[in-house]
Amino acid sequence: MDITGLLIFLAIGAVAGWLAGTFMKGRGFGLLGNIVVGIIGAVLGGFVFGLLGISAGGLIGSIVMATVGAALLLFIIGILKKA
């Protein structure tokens, strides 16, 4: 992966983490935490979308997939915090 691809991946992760934090009503972790959640969420979203046989292409598809994964990750973290 070249530096441009890495920067795009980080930007998508940041946007996805911010969106997921917004959708999950303030369950975000600040800017840096949201980037981490978004990156992990992008990987999780890709895995889940692959299991479901859903393909997301392009920049918007990547953001949607990463946001769904990040929201799922925030949901799981919320459940684990309560336990």
N, C-alpha and C. Protein backbone atom coordinates (compact mmCIF):
# COMPACT_ATOMS: atom_id res chain seq x y z
N MET A 1 0.85 -1.17 0.00
CA MET A 1 0.00 0.00 0.00
C MET A 1 0.90 1.24 0.00
N ASP A 2 0.64 2.14 -0.90
CA ASP A 2 1.43 3.36 -0.97
C ASP A 2 0.88 4.40 0.03
N ILE A 3 1.57 5.50 0.15
CA ILE A 3 1.20 6.53 1.13
C ILE A 3 -0.15 7.16 0.82
N THR A 4 -0.48 7.30 -0.46
CA THR A 4 -1.78 7.86 -0.84
C THR A 4 -2.91 6.93 -0.41
N GLY A 5 -2.74 5.65 -0.65
CA GLY A 5 -3.75 4.68 -0.24
C GLY A 5 -3.93 4.65 1.27
N LEU A 6 -2.82 4.76 1.99
CA LEU A 6 -2.88 4.79 3.45
C LEU A 6 -3.62 6.03 3.94
N LEU A 7 -3.34 7.18 3.35
CA LEU A 7 -4.02 8.41 3.74
C LEU A 7 -5.52 8.35 3.44
N ILE A 8 -5.88 7.76 2.31
CA ILE A 8 -7.30 7.61 1.97
C ILE A 8 -7.97 6.67 2.96
N PHE A 9 -7.28 5.58 3.32
CA PHE A 9 -7.82 4.63 4.29
C PHE A 9 -8.03 5.30 5.64
N LEU A 10 -7.06 6.12 6.08
CA LEU A 10 -7.19 6.84 7.34
C LEU A 10 -8.32 7.87 7.29
N ALA A 11 -8.47 8.54 6.15
CA ALA A 11 -9.54 9.53 6.00
C ALA A 11 -10.91 8.85 6.04
N ILE A 12 -11.04 7.72 5.36
CA ILE A 12 -12.30 6.98 5.39
C ILE A 12 -12.58 6.50 6.81
N GLY A 13 -11.55 6.03 7.50
CA GLY A 13 -11.71 5.61 8.89
C GLY A 13 -12.15 6.75 9.79
N ALA A 14 -11.57 7.94 9.58
CA ALA A 14 -11.94 9.10 10.39
C ALA A 14 -13.40 9.49 10.15
N VAL A 15 -13.80 9.54 8.90
CA VAL A 15 -15.18 9.90 8.56
C VAL A 15 -16.14 8.84 9.10
N ALA A 16 -15.79 7.57 8.91
CA ALA A 16 -16.66 6.48 9.38
C ALA A 16 -16.77 6.49 10.89
N GLY A 17 -15.68 6.71 11.59
CA GLY A 17 -15.72 6.76 13.05
C GLY A 17 -16.56 7.92 13.55
N TRP A 18 -16.42 9.08 12.91
CA TRP A 18 -17.22 10.24 13.28
C TRP A 18 -18.71 9.98 13.03
N LEU A 19 -19.02 9.44 11.85
CA LEU A 19 -20.42 9.15 11.52
C LEU A 19 -21.01 8.13 12.48
N ALA A 20 -20.25 7.08 12.77
CA ALA A 20 -20.75 6.05 13.69
C ALA A 20 -20.97 6.62 15.07
N GLY A 21 -20.05 7.47 15.55
CA GLY A 21 -20.22 8.11 16.85
C GLY A 21 -21.46 8.99 16.88
N THR A 22 -21.74 9.66 15.77
CA THR A 22 -22.93 10.50 15.66
C THR A 22 -24.20 9.64 15.63
N PHE A 23 -24.19 8.58 14.84
CA PHE A 23 -25.36 7.71 14.74
C PHE A 23 -25.64 6.97 16.04
N MET A 24 -24.58 6.63 16.77
CA MET A 24 -24.74 5.88 18.01
C MET A 24 -24.95 6.82 19.20
N LYS A 25 -25.35 8.04 18.96
CA LYS A 25 -25.71 9.03 19.97
C LYS A 25 -24.60 9.28 20.99
N GLY A 26 -23.46 9.75 20.48
CA GLY A 26 -22.40 10.19 21.36
C GLY A 26 -21.52 9.11 21.95
N ARG A 27 -21.52 7.93 21.38
CA ARG A 27 -20.68 6.86 21.90
C ARG A 27 -19.28 6.89 21.30
N GLY A 28 -18.91 8.01 20.72
CA GLY A 28 -17.59 8.13 20.12
C GLY A 28 -16.51 8.28 21.18
N PHE A 29 -15.26 8.29 20.74
CA PHE A 29 -14.12 8.34 21.64
C PHE A 29 -13.21 9.51 21.32
N GLY A 30 -13.74 10.62 20.81
CA GLY A 30 -12.90 11.74 20.42
C GLY A 30 -12.32 11.51 19.04
N LEU A 31 -11.60 12.48 18.53
CA LEU A 31 -11.11 12.41 17.16
C LEU A 31 -10.20 11.22 16.93
N LEU A 32 -9.15 11.07 17.74
CA LEU A 32 -8.20 9.97 17.55
C LEU A 32 -8.86 8.62 17.79
N GLY A 33 -9.68 8.55 18.83
CA GLY A 33 -10.40 7.30 19.11
C GLY A 33 -11.36 6.93 18.00
N ASN A 34 -12.03 7.94 17.43
CA ASN A 34 -12.95 7.68 16.32
C ASN A 34 -12.22 7.19 15.08
N ILE A 35 -11.00 7.71 14.85
CA ILE A 35 -10.22 7.22 13.71
C ILE A 35 -9.90 5.75 13.91
N VAL A 36 -9.48 5.40 15.12
CA VAL A 36 -9.16 3.99 15.40
C VAL A 36 -10.41 3.12 15.26
N VAL A 37 -11.52 3.57 15.84
CA VAL A 37 -12.78 2.82 15.72
C VAL A 37 -13.19 2.70 14.25
N GLY A 38 -13.01 3.78 13.49
CA GLY A 38 -13.36 3.75 12.07
C GLY A 38 -12.50 2.79 11.28
N ILE A 39 -11.20 2.74 11.58
CA ILE A 39 -10.31 1.82 10.86
C ILE A 39 -10.65 0.37 11.20
N ILE A 40 -10.81 0.09 12.49
CA ILE A 40 -11.19 -1.27 12.88
C ILE A 40 -12.57 -1.59 12.33
N GLY A 41 -13.46 -0.59 12.34
CA GLY A 41 -14.80 -0.77 11.79
C GLY A 41 -14.78 -1.04 10.29
N ALA A 42 -13.84 -0.43 9.58
CA ALA A 42 -13.72 -0.68 8.14
C ALA A 42 -13.37 -2.14 7.88
N VAL A 43 -12.45 -2.66 8.68
CA VAL A 43 -12.09 -4.07 8.54
C VAL A 43 -13.27 -4.96 8.92
N LEU A 44 -13.92 -4.64 10.04
CA LEU A 44 -15.09 -5.41 10.48
C LEU A 44 -16.23 -5.32 9.47
N GLY A 45 -16.47 -4.12 8.95
CA GLY A 45 -17.52 -3.95 7.94
C GLY A 45 -17.23 -4.73 6.68
N GLY A 46 -15.99 -4.74 6.24
CA GLY A 46 -15.61 -5.53 5.07
C GLY A 46 -15.84 -7.01 5.29
N PHE A 47 -15.52 -7.47 6.50
CA PHE A 47 -15.73 -8.88 6.84
C PHE A 47 -17.22 -9.22 6.84
N VAL A 48 -18.03 -8.38 7.52
CA VAL A 48 -19.47 -8.63 7.61
C VAL A 48 -20.13 -8.54 6.24
N PHE A 49 -19.77 -7.52 5.46
CA PHE A 49 -20.35 -7.39 4.12
C PHE A 49 -19.97 -8.60 3.26
N GLY A 50 -18.74 -9.10 3.42
CA GLY A 50 -18.31 -10.28 2.68
C GLY A 50 -19.11 -11.51 3.07
N LEU A 51 -19.38 -11.67 4.36
CA LEU A 51 -20.19 -12.80 4.82
C LEU A 51 -21.60 -12.76 4.26
N LEU A 52 -22.13 -11.54 4.14
CA LEU A 52 -23.49 -11.37 3.64
C LEU A 52 -23.56 -11.36 2.11
N GLY A 53 -22.40 -11.37 1.47
CA GLY A 53 -22.36 -11.35 0.01
C GLY A 53 -22.67 -9.98 -0.58
N ILE A 54 -22.45 -8.93 0.18
CA ILE A 54 -22.72 -7.57 -0.27
C ILE A 54 -21.42 -6.95 -0.75
N SER A 55 -21.47 -6.31 -1.89
CA SER A 55 -20.30 -5.64 -2.43
C SER A 55 -20.52 -4.13 -2.39
N ALA A 56 -19.53 -3.41 -1.85
CA ALA A 56 -19.61 -1.95 -1.79
C ALA A 56 -18.41 -1.39 -2.53
N GLY A 57 -18.66 -0.70 -3.63
CA GLY A 57 -17.57 -0.18 -4.43
C GLY A 57 -17.49 1.33 -4.38
N GLY A 58 -16.33 1.85 -4.66
CA GLY A 58 -16.13 3.29 -4.71
C GLY A 58 -15.96 3.91 -3.35
N LEU A 59 -15.77 5.21 -3.34
CA LEU A 59 -15.53 5.94 -2.11
C LEU A 59 -16.74 5.93 -1.19
N ILE A 60 -17.92 6.18 -1.74
CA ILE A 60 -19.14 6.21 -0.92
C ILE A 60 -19.43 4.82 -0.35
N GLY A 61 -19.26 3.80 -1.16
CA GLY A 61 -19.46 2.43 -0.68
C GLY A 61 -18.49 2.07 0.43
N SER A 62 -17.26 2.52 0.31
CA SER A 62 -16.26 2.26 1.35
C SER A 62 -16.63 2.97 2.64
N ILE A 63 -17.10 4.21 2.53
CA ILE A 63 -17.50 4.96 3.72
C ILE A 63 -18.71 4.30 4.38
N VAL A 64 -19.68 3.88 3.58
CA VAL A 64 -20.87 3.21 4.13
C VAL A 64 -20.46 1.92 4.83
N MET A 65 -19.63 1.11 4.20
CA MET A 65 -19.19 -0.15 4.77
C MET A 65 -18.41 0.08 6.07
N ALA A 66 -17.51 1.05 6.06
CA ALA A 66 -16.72 1.35 7.25
C ALA A 66 -17.60 1.91 8.37
N THR A 67 -18.59 2.72 8.02
CA THR A 67 -19.49 3.29 9.02
C THR A 67 -20.34 2.20 9.67
N VAL A 68 -20.86 1.28 8.86
CA VAL A 68 -21.64 0.17 9.41
C VAL A 68 -20.77 -0.67 10.35
N GLY A 69 -19.54 -0.94 9.93
CA GLY A 69 -18.63 -1.71 10.78
C GLY A 69 -18.29 -0.97 12.06
N ALA A 70 -18.05 0.34 11.97
CA ALA A 70 -17.72 1.13 13.16
C ALA A 70 -18.92 1.22 14.11
N ALA A 71 -20.12 1.37 13.58
CA ALA A 71 -21.32 1.40 14.42
C ALA A 71 -21.51 0.05 15.11
N LEU A 72 -21.26 -1.03 14.39
CA LEU A 72 -21.35 -2.37 14.97
C LEU A 72 -20.31 -2.52 16.08
N LEU A 73 -19.11 -2.03 15.84
CA LEU A 73 -18.06 -2.09 16.85
C LEU A 73 -18.43 -1.28 18.09
N LEU A 74 -18.98 -0.06 17.90
CA LEU A 74 -19.42 0.75 19.03
C LEU A 74 -20.54 0.07 19.81
N PHE A 75 -21.42 -0.61 19.10
CA PHE A 75 -22.50 -1.36 19.75
C PHE A 75 -21.94 -2.48 20.61
N ILE A 76 -20.98 -3.22 20.07
CA ILE A 76 -20.36 -4.32 20.80
C ILE A 76 -19.59 -3.79 22.02
N ILE A 77 -18.88 -2.69 21.86
CA ILE A 77 -18.15 -2.08 22.98
C ILE A 77 -19.14 -1.64 24.06
N GLY A 78 -20.28 -1.08 23.66
CA GLY A 78 -21.30 -0.67 24.63
C GLY A 78 -21.84 -1.85 25.42
N ILE A 79 -22.04 -2.98 24.76
CA ILE A 79 -22.52 -4.19 25.45
C ILE A 79 -21.46 -4.69 26.42
N LEU A 80 -20.21 -4.70 25.99
CA LEU A 80 -19.14 -5.19 26.85
C LEU A 80 -18.90 -4.29 28.06
N LYS A 81 -19.11 -2.98 27.88
CA LYS A 81 -18.94 -2.05 29.00
C LYS A 81 -20.00 -2.28 30.07
N LYS A 82 -21.21 -2.65 29.66
CA LYS A 82 -22.30 -2.88 30.60
C LYS A 82 -22.08 -4.18 31.38
N ALA A 83 -21.41 -5.13 30.75
CA ALA A 83 -21.22 -6.45 31.40
C ALA A 83 -20.15 -6.41 32.47
